[in-house]
Amino acid sequence: MATTHKTRMLIIGSGPAGLSAAIYGARAGMEPIVVQGLQPGGQLTITTDVENYPGFREVIQGPWLMQEMQAQAEHVGTRMMWDTITSVDLSGEKFTAQGDSGDVYEGDTLVIATGAQARWLGVPGEQELSGKGVSACATCDGFFYRGKKVVVIGGGNTAVEEALYLTNHSEDVTLIHRRDSLRAEKILQDRLFAHPKINVVWNKRVDSFLGGGEGGGLRALKLIDTVTGEESEIETEGAFVAIGHAPATELFKGQLAMDDTGYLLVEPGTPKTDVPGVFACGDVMDHVYRQAITAAGTGCMAALDAERFLAEKEFAEAAKVEA
């Protein structure tokens, strides 16, 4: 039979943001519940080598890091629920979420840590070579391509920023765009075109990623000219798909303020949404940094603010009763 689970802090999402919120919430006596969702552990569970998370001298594996975070959250008192939220209601005094299992989750506060998914091209070889030369995050993986030839695919701000970042590691960076002009801001374009390490290839779309490189990794990209239809190949050891991210905010449309691309809007410098008691953390509200460490940091902030919100609310209610 369906069960209603009640908690002082309900957390939707189990990546670095959600689990960090859970750790802080549990230590504050909030007895948090984490509903893990379709991808327990978040994006790091499909990330192999992690070299930029503080505290580890050697390269660690993303899935292992998330297992440890979950174990720590459970150790301090978090309840992990294997369920996927299908709808939420933020209109009442308690925040409720309906699970795919039929169970209902009710929280005095709500922490949203549903993350964002990188948009992929959906062409042959892309997923097969993910982590073997194909990536969607230059900041995360660019270090592994020091001194190698790399390409960036896209034409917006993200693509230009990724290309510029990669010049810290590579002397040969190529930006591939399917049109003859970029959508990125002019100041970013000026920096890109002025950089001696970056070459731009216009009017080309990626048809497939080709393996057979060192260790079975990426060897080249097959390109199609969008004007003439001509086929060509470009050799590379690293390809970064930079065509944007899609925040997982469908559940909250019409209930929380969002920007034009679907990211949740928060009070600057905080995880506070426009609904008191509802907090957003991690990639669901961060379209700039999108790192595990920044997600974890905002998860901490969300838990601290949730605890303060409840403390102030309970103090006000007690004072009203006493009066």
Protein backbone atom coordinates (compact mmCIF):
# COMPACT_ATOMS: atom_id res chain seq x y z
CA MET A 1 0.00 0.00 0.00
CA ALA A 2 1.07 3.59 -0.61
CA THR A 3 2.81 5.26 2.30
CA THR A 4 3.18 8.91 3.28
CA HIS A 5 6.71 9.76 4.40
CA LYS A 6 7.07 12.90 6.54
CA THR A 7 10.23 14.86 7.22
CA ARG A 8 11.43 18.28 8.24
CA MET A 9 13.60 18.41 5.11
CA LEU A 10 12.61 16.75 1.85
CA ILE A 11 15.39 16.59 -0.76
CA ILE A 12 14.73 15.74 -4.40
CA GLY A 13 17.92 14.66 -6.13
CA SER A 14 20.96 12.69 -4.99
CA GLY A 15 23.99 14.25 -6.64
CA PRO A 16 26.66 16.25 -4.77
CA ALA A 17 24.17 19.05 -4.03
CA GLY A 18 21.41 16.83 -2.65
CA LEU A 19 23.71 14.63 -0.60
CA SER A 20 25.61 17.60 0.85
CA ALA A 21 22.29 19.12 1.87
CA ALA A 22 21.37 15.79 3.42
CA ILE A 23 24.61 15.58 5.43
CA TYR A 24 24.18 19.07 6.86
CA GLY A 25 20.45 18.60 7.39
CA ALA A 26 20.90 15.31 9.22
CA ARG A 27 23.57 16.76 11.50
CA ALA A 28 21.14 19.58 12.35
CA GLY A 29 18.50 17.05 13.42
CA MET A 30 16.26 17.59 10.38
CA GLU A 31 15.97 13.84 9.66
CA PRO A 32 16.08 14.46 5.89
CA ILE A 33 14.63 12.20 3.23
CA VAL A 34 16.41 12.04 -0.13
CA VAL A 35 14.37 10.83 -3.10
CA GLN A 36 17.05 9.64 -5.48
CA GLY A 37 15.33 9.91 -8.86
CA LEU A 38 16.12 8.32 -12.21
CA GLN A 39 19.88 8.76 -11.88
CA PRO A 40 20.93 8.08 -8.27
CA GLY A 41 24.17 9.91 -7.62
CA GLY A 42 23.70 12.35 -10.48
CA GLN A 43 26.11 13.16 -13.30
CA LEU A 44 29.18 11.94 -11.42
CA THR A 45 27.97 8.36 -11.72
CA ILE A 46 28.73 8.54 -15.45
CA THR A 47 32.05 10.34 -14.91
CA THR A 48 35.15 8.20 -14.67
CA ASP A 49 38.30 10.08 -13.63
CA VAL A 50 37.76 12.93 -11.15
CA GLU A 51 40.87 14.94 -10.37
CA ASN A 52 39.48 18.28 -9.18
CA TYR A 53 37.41 17.34 -6.12
CA PRO A 54 39.33 18.54 -3.03
CA GLY A 55 40.69 16.07 -0.54
CA PHE A 56 42.02 13.35 -2.83
CA ARG A 57 45.66 13.23 -3.88
CA GLU A 58 45.13 10.66 -6.61
CA VAL A 59 42.52 10.51 -9.36
CA ILE A 60 39.27 9.06 -8.06
CA GLN A 61 36.24 7.57 -9.81
CA GLY A 62 32.97 9.49 -9.96
CA PRO A 63 30.72 6.55 -8.99
CA TRP A 64 32.93 5.77 -5.99
CA LEU A 65 32.77 9.39 -4.81
CA MET A 66 28.98 9.35 -4.94
CA GLN A 67 28.83 6.02 -3.08
CA GLU A 68 30.93 7.55 -0.32
CA MET A 69 28.77 10.67 -0.16
CA GLN A 70 25.63 8.56 0.11
CA ALA A 71 27.18 6.36 2.80
CA GLN A 72 28.15 9.47 4.78
CA ALA A 73 24.65 10.93 4.45
CA GLU A 74 23.09 7.68 5.65
CA HIS A 75 25.61 7.38 8.49
CA VAL A 76 24.51 10.71 9.97
CA GLY A 77 20.80 9.90 9.70
CA THR A 78 19.51 10.48 6.17
CA ARG A 79 16.80 8.23 4.75
CA MET A 80 17.42 7.34 1.10
CA MET A 81 14.32 6.51 -0.95
CA TRP A 82 14.50 4.66 -4.28
CA ASP A 83 11.73 6.50 -6.07
CA THR A 84 11.13 9.05 -8.81
CA ILE A 85 9.00 12.13 -8.19
CA THR A 86 6.23 12.61 -10.76
CA SER A 87 4.52 15.73 -9.36
CA VAL A 88 4.88 18.28 -6.59
CA ASP A 89 2.54 20.67 -4.77
CA LEU A 90 4.15 23.74 -3.25
CA SER A 91 0.94 25.60 -2.45
CA GLY A 92 0.32 24.29 1.05
CA GLU A 93 1.99 24.80 4.40
CA LYS A 94 3.67 21.44 3.86
CA PHE A 95 5.38 20.66 0.56
CA THR A 96 4.26 17.39 -0.97
CA ALA A 97 5.69 15.22 -3.74
CA GLN A 98 4.11 12.23 -5.43
CA GLY A 99 6.39 9.29 -6.18
CA ASP A 100 6.18 6.95 -9.14
CA SER A 101 5.84 4.17 -6.56
CA GLY A 102 2.58 5.69 -5.31
CA ASP A 103 4.17 6.90 -2.08
CA VAL A 104 3.77 10.52 -0.99
CA TYR A 105 6.59 12.58 0.50
CA GLU A 106 5.81 15.52 2.76
CA GLY A 107 8.38 18.06 3.92
CA ASP A 108 8.31 21.11 6.18
CA THR A 109 11.03 22.40 3.85
CA LEU A 110 11.99 21.34 0.33
CA VAL A 111 15.46 21.23 -1.20
CA ILE A 112 15.53 20.87 -4.99
CA ALA A 113 18.72 19.28 -6.30
CA THR A 114 17.48 17.72 -9.54
CA GLY A 115 20.47 18.90 -11.58
CA ALA A 116 20.87 19.48 -15.29
CA GLN A 117 21.71 17.16 -18.14
CA ALA A 118 24.22 18.03 -20.84
CA ARG A 119 22.66 18.13 -24.28
CA TRP A 120 24.26 15.63 -26.65
CA LEU A 121 24.35 15.45 -30.43
CA GLY A 122 22.88 11.95 -30.57
CA VAL A 123 25.19 10.71 -33.33
CA PRO A 124 27.02 7.37 -33.67
CA GLY A 125 30.03 6.89 -31.42
CA GLU A 126 29.15 9.72 -29.03
CA GLN A 127 28.01 7.66 -26.06
CA GLU A 128 30.32 4.73 -26.84
CA LEU A 129 33.34 7.06 -26.64
CA SER A 130 32.10 9.09 -23.67
CA GLY A 131 35.00 9.24 -21.23
CA LYS A 132 37.31 7.92 -23.95
CA GLY A 133 37.82 11.19 -25.77
CA VAL A 134 34.28 12.58 -25.77
CA SER A 135 33.20 14.91 -22.97
CA ALA A 136 30.64 17.62 -22.21
CA CYS A 137 32.77 19.55 -19.69
CA ALA A 138 36.12 21.13 -20.51
CA THR A 139 36.60 22.37 -16.95
CA CYS A 140 36.14 18.81 -15.68
CA ASP A 141 38.20 16.93 -18.27
CA GLY A 142 40.42 19.43 -20.11
CA PHE A 143 43.38 18.64 -17.86
CA PHE A 144 43.54 15.11 -19.29
CA TYR A 145 44.23 16.49 -22.78
CA ARG A 146 47.37 18.46 -22.05
CA GLY A 147 49.41 18.89 -25.20
CA LYS A 148 46.81 17.13 -27.36
CA LYS A 149 44.70 18.28 -30.28
CA VAL A 150 41.12 18.97 -29.17
CA VAL A 151 37.87 20.20 -30.70
CA VAL A 152 34.80 21.94 -29.30
CA ILE A 153 31.39 21.56 -30.92
CA GLY A 154 28.90 24.42 -30.66
CA GLY A 155 28.41 28.11 -31.31
CA GLY A 156 27.05 29.70 -28.15
CA ASN A 157 28.63 31.16 -25.04
CA THR A 158 29.32 27.72 -23.57
CA ALA A 159 31.21 26.54 -26.65
CA VAL A 160 33.35 29.68 -26.87
CA GLU A 161 34.14 29.61 -23.15
CA GLU A 162 35.10 25.93 -23.37
CA ALA A 163 37.39 26.62 -26.33
CA LEU A 164 39.09 29.49 -24.52
CA TYR A 165 39.50 27.40 -21.38
CA LEU A 166 41.08 24.53 -23.31
CA THR A 167 43.90 26.79 -24.53
CA ASN A 168 45.29 26.43 -21.00
CA HIS A 169 46.05 22.81 -21.85
CA SER A 170 46.26 22.54 -25.63
CA GLU A 171 48.14 24.41 -28.34
CA ASP A 172 45.66 23.23 -30.99
CA VAL A 173 41.98 23.93 -30.31
CA THR A 174 39.35 23.82 -33.07
CA LEU A 175 35.81 25.13 -32.70
CA ILE A 176 33.32 23.40 -35.03
CA HIS A 177 30.03 25.16 -35.78
CA ARG A 178 27.24 24.17 -38.14
CA ARG A 179 26.55 27.76 -39.21
CA ASP A 180 28.67 30.63 -40.57
CA SER A 181 28.36 32.82 -37.47
CA LEU A 182 28.37 32.31 -33.70
CA ARG A 183 25.55 33.00 -31.23
CA ALA A 184 27.99 33.85 -28.44
CA GLU A 185 28.28 37.33 -26.96
CA LYS A 186 30.45 39.68 -29.01
CA ILE A 187 33.10 40.12 -26.31
CA LEU A 188 33.58 36.34 -26.18
CA GLN A 189 33.76 36.15 -29.96
CA ASP A 190 36.41 38.87 -30.01
CA ARG A 191 38.53 36.91 -27.55
CA LEU A 192 38.04 33.71 -29.53
CA PHE A 193 38.99 35.16 -32.92
CA ALA A 194 42.02 36.91 -31.45
CA HIS A 195 43.41 33.77 -29.81
CA PRO A 196 46.33 32.24 -31.72
CA LYS A 197 45.65 28.69 -30.46
CA ILE A 198 42.06 28.53 -31.74
CA ASN A 199 40.89 27.71 -35.24
CA VAL A 200 37.21 27.91 -36.27
CA VAL A 201 35.63 25.51 -38.77
CA TRP A 202 32.38 26.89 -40.20
CA ASN A 203 29.33 25.20 -41.73
CA LYS A 204 30.15 21.71 -40.48
CA ARG A 205 28.03 19.33 -38.46
CA VAL A 206 29.35 16.26 -36.70
CA ASP A 207 28.05 13.10 -38.34
CA SER A 208 29.84 10.61 -36.06
CA PHE A 209 32.68 10.12 -33.59
CA LEU A 210 35.30 7.65 -34.79
CA GLY A 211 37.19 5.33 -32.43
CA GLY A 212 40.42 3.45 -32.92
CA GLY A 213 42.70 5.96 -31.28
CA GLU A 214 45.15 5.33 -28.46
CA GLY A 215 43.71 2.80 -26.02
CA GLY A 216 40.59 2.43 -28.13
CA GLY A 217 39.69 6.06 -27.65
CA LEU A 218 38.58 8.82 -29.99
CA ARG A 219 40.55 9.11 -33.24
CA ALA A 220 38.59 11.57 -35.38
CA LEU A 221 35.25 13.20 -36.17
CA LYS A 222 33.35 12.65 -39.40
CA LEU A 223 31.95 16.00 -40.59
CA ILE A 224 29.29 16.94 -43.12
CA ASP A 225 29.39 20.35 -44.82
CA THR A 226 25.99 21.96 -44.16
CA VAL A 227 26.19 23.89 -47.44
CA THR A 228 27.64 21.41 -49.95
CA GLY A 229 27.00 18.09 -48.21
CA GLU A 230 30.67 17.16 -48.62
CA GLU A 231 32.09 14.66 -46.12
CA SER A 232 35.41 15.12 -44.33
CA GLU A 233 37.29 13.99 -41.24
CA ILE A 234 39.16 15.92 -38.58
CA GLU A 235 41.62 14.05 -36.41
CA THR A 236 41.47 14.76 -32.70
CA GLU A 237 42.14 13.11 -29.35
CA GLY A 238 39.47 15.00 -27.45
CA ALA A 239 36.03 16.32 -28.43
CA PHE A 240 33.92 18.52 -26.17
CA VAL A 241 30.21 18.77 -26.94
CA ALA A 242 29.13 22.25 -25.85
CA ILE A 243 25.57 22.75 -27.05
CA GLY A 244 24.05 23.59 -23.68
CA HIS A 245 22.39 21.92 -20.71
CA ALA A 246 18.79 21.13 -19.85
CA PRO A 247 17.89 21.70 -16.18
CA ALA A 248 15.51 19.12 -14.69
CA THR A 249 12.80 21.60 -13.68
CA GLU A 250 9.72 20.32 -15.51
CA LEU A 251 8.12 19.39 -12.16
CA PHE A 252 8.22 22.98 -10.96
CA LYS A 253 6.86 24.88 -13.96
CA GLY A 254 4.11 27.24 -12.90
CA GLN A 255 5.11 26.89 -9.24
CA LEU A 256 8.60 28.42 -9.08
CA ALA A 257 10.24 31.29 -10.94
CA MET A 258 12.60 30.23 -13.75
CA ASP A 259 14.68 31.93 -16.39
CA ASP A 260 14.09 31.56 -20.12
CA THR A 261 16.14 28.35 -20.28
CA GLY A 262 14.41 26.65 -17.35
CA TYR A 263 16.95 27.22 -14.56
CA LEU A 264 15.37 27.97 -11.18
CA LEU A 265 15.80 31.58 -10.05
CA VAL A 266 17.13 32.16 -6.55
CA GLU A 267 17.82 35.19 -4.40
CA PRO A 268 21.35 36.30 -5.38
CA GLY A 269 24.00 34.68 -3.22
CA THR A 270 21.53 32.24 -1.65
CA PRO A 271 19.61 29.06 -2.59
CA LYS A 272 16.25 30.71 -1.72
CA THR A 273 13.56 30.43 -4.39
CA ASP A 274 10.52 32.71 -4.59
CA VAL A 275 8.54 30.29 -2.39
CA PRO A 276 9.55 30.55 1.30
CA GLY A 277 10.85 27.23 2.57
CA VAL A 278 11.81 25.96 -0.89
CA PHE A 279 15.51 25.99 -1.75
CA ALA A 280 17.35 25.15 -4.98
CA CYS A 281 20.95 24.01 -5.15
CA GLY A 282 23.45 22.60 -7.61
CA ASP A 283 23.15 22.62 -11.39
CA VAL A 284 19.39 23.16 -11.32
CA MET A 285 20.08 26.81 -10.44
CA ASP A 286 23.68 27.21 -11.62
CA HIS A 287 24.23 27.59 -15.35
CA VAL A 288 27.68 29.15 -14.95
CA TYR A 289 29.99 26.88 -12.92
CA ARG A 290 28.33 23.43 -12.98
CA GLN A 291 31.01 21.71 -10.89
CA ALA A 292 30.66 19.02 -8.24
CA ILE A 293 32.35 21.22 -5.65
CA THR A 294 30.09 24.23 -6.32
CA ALA A 295 27.03 21.97 -6.28
CA ALA A 296 28.11 20.56 -2.91
CA GLY A 297 28.65 24.09 -1.60
CA THR A 298 25.17 25.25 -2.54
CA GLY A 299 23.76 22.05 -1.05
CA CYS A 300 25.34 23.03 2.25
CA MET A 301 23.85 26.53 1.93
CA ALA A 302 20.40 25.10 1.22
CA ALA A 303 20.48 22.92 4.34
CA LEU A 304 21.67 25.75 6.56
CA ASP A 305 19.01 28.10 5.22
CA ALA A 306 16.32 25.43 5.57
CA GLU A 307 17.26 24.87 9.21
CA ARG A 308 17.17 28.63 9.88
CA PHE A 309 13.84 28.96 8.09
CA LEU A 310 12.24 26.30 10.30
CA ALA A 311 13.83 27.67 13.48
CA GLU A 312 12.48 31.16 12.78
CA LYS A 313 9.05 29.80 11.84
CA GLU A 314 8.82 27.65 14.99
CA PHE A 315 9.99 30.54 17.17
CA ALA A 316 7.33 32.82 15.69
CA GLU A 317 4.63 30.19 16.20
CA ALA A 318 5.70 29.61 19.80
CA ALA A 319 5.69 33.34 20.48
CA LYS A 320 2.17 33.62 19.02
CA VAL A 321 0.90 30.81 21.25
CA GLU A 322 2.53 32.35 24.31
CA ALA A 323 0.96 35.72 23.50
